[in-house]
Amino acid sequence: MVPKVLMLGWGFPPNVSGGLDTAVGELFEQFEPRDDIEIELVLPAEYAPDRDGIYGVPTGEGDVADRINRLAGEFADRAADADIVHTHDWFGYGPGSRACRSHDCTWVTTFHSLTSDRNRNPPDRERQTEQRIVEGADHLIAVSELVRQSVREQYNGDSRVIYNGFSAVETTGRDVKAELDIDGAMLFFVGRHTHQKGIEHLVYAMDRFEPGEVTLVVGGTGHLTDRLRRFVDILGVEEMVKFVGYVPESELGDYYESADLFVSPSLSEPFGITIVESLSVGTRVVACESGAAEVLPEGCIVEVEPDSKSIANGIRQALDAGPLPDYEERTWDTVADEHVAFYHELLAE
């Protein structure tokens, strides 16, 4: 029996390319040509490409919860012929629960992260919704052992781990380090400027180096950007930190490749797509605990704690290290195989 899967997402690359959106997009691309699964993906119409198998529902204005709730009815209607509905993270609660109340289908939810991973003070609504998902969904998937443990500790839920695939980036040979006139080692960070990403600790670590020894290139933006710029001025390390703003996906590979190290100081990194993107072009990583480290050999990542001393020591250790070890890339084709096997397992129960 070929499982009929109705999946709910939020965005779709390249227009929206967060970790969850990348995973959903990659899975759809892998599922769509296969004959051992039937897939339909429901997205907010604003982010839905015009493609067979993808159904966009207008969601209007408002926050994520309000907009997703507006598509819950149509999602549930489209679940009439589905064997499995597959939602992701907290925002899938309304559509997923409604679909399974209305029809005889199995509800699977993947946790890519928890609200406690994304927020210093997690909103009560999101925490309550995650608890309802754990209690209401038939099966849970976690993208790493790190996430699986968090789901168990916070909500007493059991998950199956299916790791994300490794995303690669394209390069053009552009020398970003030369363009930015960097003489010493180039350190690169890219991501949202939020507390969860731990950038303050990385900036503070620059005070432990001599001018010209390293230069930190900070990509991305967020609500902490202005505060980080002031912090750089207060520390007196403005010559050692360069803010380059949003880095287009087409340029990202050149930034990774030009850097001597990529640094991920996240307080919580449930998987870490930026980590594997950096490694894909041969650039070693200094990072706090991450899910990606669970599927990589020792030596690819120099693991540090989220404090400036540990990060600075890790940077020095990584700069002195030899070549990167060989590692086996985890392909999205493998990820899709594991999902399809799981779906067939559910239908056989």
Protein backbone atom coordinates (compact mmCIF):
# COMPACT_ATOMS: atom_id res chain seq x y z
CA MET A 1 0.00 0.00 0.00
CA VAL A 2 1.36 3.39 -1.00
CA PRO A 3 0.96 5.88 1.87
CA LYS A 4 -0.89 9.09 1.04
CA VAL A 5 0.74 11.87 3.05
CA LEU A 6 -0.64 15.36 3.56
CA MET A 7 2.13 17.63 4.85
CA LEU A 8 1.88 21.11 6.34
CA GLY A 9 4.71 23.60 6.04
CA TRP A 10 5.25 27.32 6.44
CA GLY A 11 7.71 28.48 3.77
CA PHE A 12 9.46 27.00 0.76
CA PRO A 13 12.99 27.67 -0.53
CA PRO A 14 14.39 29.83 -1.93
CA ASN A 15 11.83 32.46 -0.90
CA VAL A 16 11.80 31.25 2.71
CA SER A 17 14.83 29.20 3.69
CA GLY A 18 14.91 28.68 7.45
CA GLY A 19 15.90 25.28 8.78
CA LEU A 20 12.34 23.93 8.93
CA ASP A 21 11.48 25.34 5.48
CA THR A 22 14.63 23.82 3.99
CA ALA A 23 13.76 20.42 5.44
CA VAL A 24 10.17 20.53 4.18
CA GLY A 25 11.30 21.70 0.75
CA GLU A 26 13.97 19.00 0.47
CA LEU A 27 11.54 16.28 1.55
CA PHE A 28 8.95 17.39 -0.99
CA GLU A 29 11.55 17.40 -3.77
CA GLN A 30 12.57 13.87 -2.84
CA PHE A 31 9.03 12.53 -2.34
CA GLU A 32 7.44 14.02 -5.44
CA PRO A 33 9.01 11.73 -8.12
CA ARG A 34 8.78 8.52 -6.07
CA ASP A 35 6.18 5.83 -6.64
CA ASP A 36 6.23 4.46 -3.06
CA ILE A 37 4.59 7.56 -1.57
CA GLU A 38 1.93 10.11 -2.57
CA ILE A 39 2.60 13.58 -1.21
CA GLU A 40 0.64 16.81 -1.08
CA LEU A 41 2.08 19.86 0.66
CA VAL A 42 -0.08 22.65 2.07
CA LEU A 43 1.49 26.09 2.59
CA PRO A 44 0.31 29.64 3.13
CA ALA A 45 -0.42 30.92 -0.38
CA GLU A 46 2.10 33.74 0.03
CA TYR A 47 4.96 31.23 0.15
CA ALA A 48 3.59 28.46 -2.06
CA PRO A 49 5.25 27.95 -5.47
CA ASP A 50 3.01 27.16 -8.42
CA ARG A 51 3.74 23.46 -8.64
CA ASP A 52 1.84 20.21 -8.83
CA GLY A 53 1.41 18.70 -5.41
CA ILE A 54 1.64 22.02 -3.56
CA TYR A 55 -1.56 23.71 -2.43
CA GLY A 56 -1.50 27.31 -1.23
CA VAL A 57 -4.14 28.63 1.14
CA PRO A 58 -4.53 32.41 1.61
CA THR A 59 -3.92 33.27 5.27
CA GLY A 60 -4.16 37.07 5.36
CA GLU A 61 -2.51 39.31 7.94
CA GLY A 62 -1.48 38.56 11.52
CA ASP A 63 0.95 36.39 13.43
CA VAL A 64 1.86 32.81 12.59
CA ALA A 65 -0.79 31.28 14.87
CA ASP A 66 -3.62 33.37 13.45
CA ARG A 67 -2.59 32.74 9.86
CA ILE A 68 -2.15 29.00 10.29
CA ASN A 69 -5.51 28.72 12.04
CA ARG A 70 -7.14 30.26 8.95
CA LEU A 71 -5.93 27.39 6.80
CA ALA A 72 -6.81 24.67 9.32
CA GLY A 73 -10.25 24.03 7.79
CA GLU A 74 -8.94 23.56 4.25
CA PHE A 75 -6.08 21.44 5.53
CA ALA A 76 -8.56 19.20 7.33
CA ASP A 77 -10.72 18.95 4.21
CA ARG A 78 -7.74 17.85 2.13
CA ALA A 79 -6.96 15.18 4.73
CA ALA A 80 -10.08 13.22 3.76
CA ASP A 81 -8.09 10.91 1.49
CA ALA A 82 -4.85 10.97 3.48
CA ASP A 83 -3.43 8.06 5.44
CA ILE A 84 -0.98 10.28 7.29
CA VAL A 85 -0.94 13.99 8.08
CA HIS A 86 2.54 15.30 8.83
CA THR A 87 2.94 18.67 10.55
CA HIS A 88 6.02 20.46 11.87
CA ASP A 89 6.70 22.25 15.16
CA TRP A 90 4.13 24.03 17.31
CA PHE A 91 2.21 25.80 14.54
CA GLY A 92 0.90 22.52 13.16
CA TYR A 93 -1.29 21.80 16.19
CA GLY A 94 -4.55 23.33 14.95
CA PRO A 95 -4.52 21.89 11.42
CA GLY A 96 -3.15 18.52 12.51
CA SER A 97 -5.56 17.95 15.37
CA ARG A 98 -8.53 19.15 13.32
CA ALA A 99 -7.64 16.84 10.41
CA CYS A 100 -7.44 13.80 12.66
CA ARG A 101 -10.66 14.63 14.48
CA SER A 102 -12.41 14.81 11.13
CA HIS A 103 -10.88 11.79 9.39
CA ASP A 104 -9.36 8.40 10.09
CA CYS A 105 -5.70 9.28 9.59
CA THR A 106 -2.46 9.10 11.55
CA TRP A 107 -0.93 12.33 12.80
CA VAL A 108 2.86 12.69 12.73
CA THR A 109 4.67 15.81 13.95
CA THR A 110 8.35 16.63 13.52
CA PHE A 111 10.04 18.85 16.09
CA HIS A 112 12.84 20.78 14.44
CA SER A 113 13.23 22.84 17.61
CA LEU A 114 11.24 23.77 20.68
CA THR A 115 10.10 27.24 21.67
CA SER A 116 12.68 27.09 24.48
CA ASP A 117 15.36 26.75 21.79
CA ARG A 118 14.16 29.90 20.03
CA ASN A 119 13.25 32.14 22.94
CA ARG A 120 14.92 33.27 26.15
CA ASN A 121 11.44 33.54 27.69
CA PRO A 122 9.27 31.10 25.72
CA PRO A 123 5.69 32.32 25.15
CA ASP A 124 3.19 30.40 27.26
CA ARG A 125 0.99 29.83 24.22
CA GLU A 126 3.78 28.06 22.36
CA ARG A 127 4.76 25.93 25.35
CA GLN A 128 1.14 24.91 25.92
CA THR A 129 0.72 24.11 22.24
CA GLU A 130 3.84 21.95 22.21
CA GLN A 131 2.49 20.04 25.19
CA ARG A 132 -0.83 19.50 23.38
CA ILE A 133 1.01 18.22 20.31
CA VAL A 134 3.00 15.72 22.38
CA GLU A 135 -0.22 14.51 23.98
CA GLY A 136 -2.32 14.55 20.81
CA ALA A 137 -0.10 13.43 17.94
CA ASP A 138 0.14 9.74 17.20
CA HIS A 139 3.89 9.82 16.52
CA LEU A 140 6.70 12.32 17.07
CA ILE A 141 9.91 12.77 15.10
CA ALA A 142 12.92 14.75 16.35
CA VAL A 143 15.69 16.01 14.06
CA SER A 144 18.41 15.07 16.55
CA GLU A 145 19.01 13.25 19.81
CA LEU A 146 19.36 16.70 21.36
CA VAL A 147 15.77 17.55 20.40
CA ARG A 148 14.51 14.11 21.40
CA GLN A 149 15.92 14.58 24.89
CA SER A 150 14.38 18.06 25.18
CA VAL A 151 10.94 16.75 24.17
CA ARG A 152 11.21 14.04 26.81
CA GLU A 153 12.50 16.33 29.57
CA GLN A 154 10.06 19.18 28.94
CA TYR A 155 6.93 17.32 27.84
CA ASN A 156 7.47 13.64 28.69
CA GLY A 157 7.12 12.69 25.03
CA ASP A 158 8.86 9.92 23.08
CA SER A 159 10.24 10.70 19.63
CA ARG A 160 11.94 8.86 16.83
CA VAL A 161 15.11 10.56 15.61
CA ILE A 162 15.40 11.17 11.87
CA TYR A 163 18.31 13.49 11.28
CA ASN A 164 18.18 16.27 8.71
CA GLY A 165 20.21 16.02 5.56
CA PHE A 166 23.35 18.03 4.89
CA SER A 167 22.78 21.17 2.89
CA ALA A 168 25.57 22.31 0.58
CA VAL A 169 26.30 25.78 -0.78
CA GLU A 170 27.66 26.89 -4.14
CA THR A 171 30.82 28.95 -4.54
CA THR A 172 32.05 31.20 -7.33
CA GLY A 173 35.70 31.65 -6.35
CA ARG A 174 35.07 35.13 -5.00
CA ASP A 175 37.59 36.11 -2.30
CA VAL A 176 35.48 37.83 0.34
CA LYS A 177 38.41 37.96 2.76
CA ALA A 178 40.43 40.06 0.30
CA GLU A 179 37.43 42.27 -0.50
CA LEU A 180 37.03 43.06 3.19
CA ASP A 181 40.79 43.74 3.49
CA ILE A 182 41.34 41.16 6.23
CA ASP A 183 44.97 40.33 6.97
CA GLY A 184 44.65 37.89 9.87
CA ALA A 185 42.24 34.98 10.25
CA MET A 186 38.66 35.54 9.06
CA LEU A 187 35.95 34.27 11.39
CA PHE A 188 32.42 34.09 9.96
CA PHE A 189 29.03 34.03 11.64
CA VAL A 190 25.67 34.16 9.88
CA GLY A 191 22.23 33.89 11.41
CA ARG A 192 19.47 35.80 13.13
CA HIS A 193 20.72 38.31 15.65
CA THR A 194 18.84 36.93 18.64
CA HIS A 195 19.81 35.88 22.17
CA GLN A 196 19.44 32.23 21.18
CA LYS A 197 22.31 32.55 18.70
CA GLY A 198 24.72 33.60 21.47
CA ILE A 199 26.41 36.30 19.37
CA GLU A 200 27.15 38.46 22.42
CA HIS A 201 29.54 35.77 23.70
CA LEU A 202 31.30 35.63 20.33
CA VAL A 203 31.69 39.41 20.14
CA TYR A 204 32.99 39.50 23.71
CA ALA A 205 35.55 36.81 22.76
CA MET A 206 37.14 39.27 20.30
CA ASP A 207 38.49 41.21 23.28
CA ARG A 208 40.74 38.19 23.97
CA PHE A 209 42.65 38.60 20.69
CA GLU A 210 45.17 41.15 19.50
CA PRO A 211 44.14 43.61 16.78
CA GLY A 212 44.85 42.06 13.39
CA GLU A 213 44.99 38.53 14.80
CA VAL A 214 41.40 37.71 13.83
CA THR A 215 38.50 39.56 12.23
CA LEU A 216 34.91 38.54 12.85
CA VAL A 217 32.55 38.97 9.90
CA VAL A 218 28.95 39.05 11.13
CA GLY A 219 26.24 38.25 8.60
CA GLY A 220 22.51 38.56 9.13
CA THR A 221 20.30 40.96 11.04
CA GLY A 222 17.84 40.91 13.92
CA HIS A 223 16.51 42.75 16.92
CA LEU A 224 19.95 42.64 18.60
CA THR A 225 21.93 44.18 15.72
CA ASP A 226 22.06 47.73 17.08
CA ARG A 227 22.89 46.46 20.57
CA LEU A 228 25.72 44.33 19.18
CA ARG A 229 27.16 47.33 17.34
CA ARG A 230 27.14 49.34 20.58
CA PHE A 231 28.74 46.42 22.41
CA VAL A 232 31.53 46.34 19.82
CA ASP A 233 32.16 50.06 20.38
CA ILE A 234 32.17 49.69 24.18
CA LEU A 235 34.71 46.86 23.96
CA GLY A 236 36.85 48.88 21.57
CA VAL A 237 37.06 46.04 19.04
CA GLU A 238 35.41 47.90 16.14
CA GLU A 239 38.46 47.22 13.93
CA MET A 240 38.05 43.48 14.57
CA VAL A 241 34.34 43.12 13.78
CA LYS A 242 32.66 43.79 10.44
CA PHE A 243 28.86 43.77 10.10
CA VAL A 244 27.91 42.85 6.53
CA GLY A 245 24.13 42.55 6.99
CA TYR A 246 21.96 40.12 5.07
CA VAL A 247 24.02 37.71 2.96
CA PRO A 248 22.10 36.49 -0.11
CA GLU A 249 22.00 32.73 -0.57
CA SER A 250 23.89 33.11 -3.85
CA GLU A 251 26.84 34.68 -1.97
CA LEU A 252 26.78 32.55 1.15
CA GLY A 253 29.12 29.86 -0.15
CA ASP A 254 31.84 32.39 -0.92
CA TYR A 255 31.65 33.77 2.63
CA TYR A 256 31.99 30.28 4.11
CA GLU A 257 34.84 29.34 1.77
CA SER A 258 36.73 32.60 2.33
CA ALA A 259 36.62 32.21 6.10
CA ASP A 260 39.29 30.43 8.08
CA LEU A 261 36.62 29.33 10.56
CA PHE A 262 32.87 29.42 10.89
CA VAL A 263 31.72 30.09 14.46
CA SER A 264 28.30 29.02 15.79
CA PRO A 265 27.95 30.19 19.41
CA SER A 266 24.26 29.25 19.69
CA LEU A 267 22.84 28.62 23.13
CA SER A 268 20.69 25.99 21.46
CA GLU A 269 21.21 24.49 18.00
CA PRO A 270 18.81 21.56 17.53
CA PHE A 271 20.52 20.59 14.27
CA GLY A 272 22.65 23.32 12.69
CA ILE A 273 22.33 23.72 8.92
CA THR A 274 24.95 26.50 8.90
CA ILE A 275 27.43 24.05 10.41
CA VAL A 276 27.12 21.51 7.61
CA GLU A 277 27.00 24.28 4.98
CA SER A 278 30.38 25.52 6.19
CA LEU A 279 31.87 22.04 6.22
CA SER A 280 30.60 21.43 2.68
CA VAL A 281 33.18 23.93 1.37
CA GLY A 282 35.96 22.69 3.65
CA THR A 283 35.79 25.31 6.40
CA ARG A 284 36.18 24.01 9.95
CA VAL A 285 33.59 24.95 12.57
CA VAL A 286 33.76 26.14 16.16
CA ALA A 287 30.36 25.55 17.74
CA CYS A 288 28.43 25.02 20.92
CA GLU A 289 26.43 21.82 21.34
CA SER A 290 24.47 20.93 18.20
CA GLY A 291 22.51 18.12 16.64
CA ALA A 292 24.80 18.10 13.60
CA ALA A 293 27.72 17.04 15.81
CA GLU A 294 25.89 13.76 16.45
CA VAL A 295 26.37 12.67 12.82
CA LEU A 296 29.85 14.05 12.21
CA PRO A 297 33.24 12.53 13.10
CA GLU A 298 35.47 14.08 15.72
CA GLY A 299 37.57 16.90 14.33
CA CYS A 300 34.99 18.53 12.08
CA ILE A 301 33.75 20.69 14.93
CA VAL A 302 35.67 22.17 17.84
CA GLU A 303 32.97 22.15 20.51
CA VAL A 304 32.85 25.04 22.99
CA GLU A 305 30.68 26.37 25.78
CA PRO A 306 28.59 29.55 25.29
CA ASP A 307 31.03 31.87 27.04
CA SER A 308 33.74 34.14 25.66
CA LYS A 309 36.73 32.35 27.19
CA SER A 310 35.70 28.95 25.87
CA ILE A 311 34.91 30.36 22.42
CA ALA A 312 38.26 32.17 22.21
CA ASN A 313 40.12 29.01 23.26
CA GLY A 314 38.16 27.01 20.69
CA ILE A 315 39.02 29.48 17.93
CA ARG A 316 42.73 29.20 18.74
CA GLN A 317 42.52 25.41 18.83
CA ALA A 318 40.71 25.28 15.49
CA LEU A 319 43.13 27.68 13.80
CA ASP A 320 46.01 25.41 14.82
CA ALA A 321 44.29 22.20 13.71
CA GLY A 322 45.23 20.24 10.62
CA PRO A 323 43.04 19.39 7.63
CA LEU A 324 39.40 18.49 8.12
CA PRO A 325 38.76 14.77 8.52
CA ASP A 326 36.79 12.97 5.83
CA TYR A 327 33.13 12.52 6.63
CA GLU A 328 30.13 10.93 4.96
CA GLU A 329 27.55 13.42 3.76
CA ARG A 330 24.03 12.66 4.90
CA THR A 331 21.91 13.14 1.79
CA TRP A 332 18.31 14.26 1.66
CA ASP A 333 17.63 11.14 -0.39
CA THR A 334 18.60 9.11 2.68
CA VAL A 335 16.36 11.30 4.86
CA ALA A 336 13.47 10.69 2.47
CA ASP A 337 14.11 6.92 2.50
CA GLU A 338 13.92 6.89 6.29
CA HIS A 339 10.66 8.88 6.28
CA VAL A 340 9.05 6.62 3.68
CA ALA A 341 10.11 3.53 5.64
CA PHE A 342 8.56 5.09 8.75
CA TYR A 343 5.30 5.86 6.93
CA HIS A 344 5.08 2.26 5.66
CA GLU A 345 5.78 1.02 9.19
CA LEU A 346 2.84 3.09 10.48
CA LEU A 347 0.48 1.71 7.85
CA ALA A 348 1.52 -1.83 8.73
CA GLU A 349 0.60 -1.41 12.40
